[in-house]
Protein backbone atom coordinates (compact mmCIF):
# COMPACT_ATOMS: atom_id res chain seq x y z
CA MET A 1 -17.01 4.73 10.70
CA ASN A 2 -17.43 5.83 7.14
CA VAL A 3 -16.03 3.93 4.15
CA TYR A 4 -13.29 5.62 2.36
CA LYS A 5 -13.18 4.71 -1.44
CA SER A 6 -10.50 6.85 -3.11
CA ARG A 7 -11.53 7.93 -6.59
CA SER A 8 -8.26 6.92 -7.79
CA GLY A 9 -8.55 3.51 -6.36
CA ASN A 10 -4.86 3.69 -5.05
CA GLY A 11 -5.65 5.01 -1.48
CA GLY A 12 -4.10 3.70 1.60
CA VAL A 13 -7.06 5.08 3.80
CA THR A 14 -9.98 2.60 3.84
CA ALA A 15 -12.41 4.33 6.47
CA TYR A 16 -12.58 7.49 8.53
CA GLU A 17 -14.63 9.23 11.14
CA TYR A 18 -14.32 12.79 12.74
CA GLY A 19 -15.74 15.10 15.00
CA ASP A 20 -15.26 18.83 15.74
CA ASP A 21 -11.58 18.63 16.59
CA PHE A 22 -10.31 15.38 15.26
CA ILE A 23 -10.33 12.92 12.37
CA THR A 24 -9.54 9.20 12.74
CA CYS A 25 -8.31 7.40 9.70
CA VAL A 26 -7.89 3.70 9.23
CA PHE A 27 -5.36 2.38 6.76
CA LYS A 28 -5.29 -0.76 4.83
CA ASN A 29 -3.32 -2.39 7.50
CA ASN A 30 -6.60 -2.04 9.54
CA LYS A 31 -4.68 0.36 12.04
CA PRO A 32 -6.57 3.55 13.00
CA TYR A 33 -4.53 6.95 13.47
CA THR A 34 -6.26 9.75 15.14
CA TYR A 35 -5.25 13.33 14.12
CA THR A 36 -6.34 16.22 16.47
CA VAL A 37 -6.39 20.11 16.49
CA GLY A 38 -4.32 19.91 19.67
CA LEU A 39 -1.31 18.63 17.46
CA ASN A 40 -2.20 20.13 14.18
CA SER A 41 -3.85 23.29 13.03
CA GLU A 42 -7.50 23.49 12.49
CA ALA A 43 -6.83 24.12 8.86
CA ILE A 44 -5.01 20.74 8.53
CA ILE A 45 -7.78 18.83 10.17
CA ASN A 46 -10.44 20.57 8.13
CA GLU A 47 -8.57 19.81 4.87
CA MET A 48 -8.47 16.14 5.95
CA LYS A 49 -12.04 16.18 6.51
CA PHE A 50 -12.73 17.80 3.20
CA HIS A 51 -10.62 15.10 1.52
CA ALA A 52 -12.39 12.37 3.35
CA ASP A 53 -15.92 13.61 2.49
CA ASN A 54 -15.05 13.96 -1.17
CA GLN A 55 -13.37 10.61 -1.27
CA ILE A 56 -10.28 11.78 -3.09
CA GLY A 57 -6.71 12.74 -2.00
CA LEU A 58 -6.75 11.87 1.71
CA THR A 59 -3.81 9.52 1.68
CA THR A 60 -1.86 11.76 -0.59
CA PHE A 61 -2.57 14.70 1.74
CA ILE A 62 -1.41 12.72 4.80
CA ASN A 63 1.72 11.57 2.87
CA GLN A 64 2.75 15.01 1.85
CA ASN A 65 1.81 16.96 4.99
CA LYS A 66 2.75 14.35 7.66
CA PRO A 67 0.23 15.47 10.17
CA ARG A 68 1.01 14.48 13.83
CA PHE A 69 -1.28 11.69 15.26
CA LYS A 70 -2.59 11.59 18.73
CA SER A 71 -2.85 7.78 18.86
CA ARG A 72 -2.35 4.61 16.89
CA HIS A 73 -4.77 2.17 18.17
């Protein structure tokens, strides 16, 4: 897992990891959610990866776009 430190300091996501067709985000409540290409477009997943790697806007993107998640661990 990679630590996610939002530049704004207000992010709900605290960690993430991803592969070719998924991204898993861990939120402040320590619950991980896995988002996949099977449930979302590849563009959505790639946008989430972009926000994660750049450490900005991931929580906002999730809140605004409401991507479907495969599992809540």
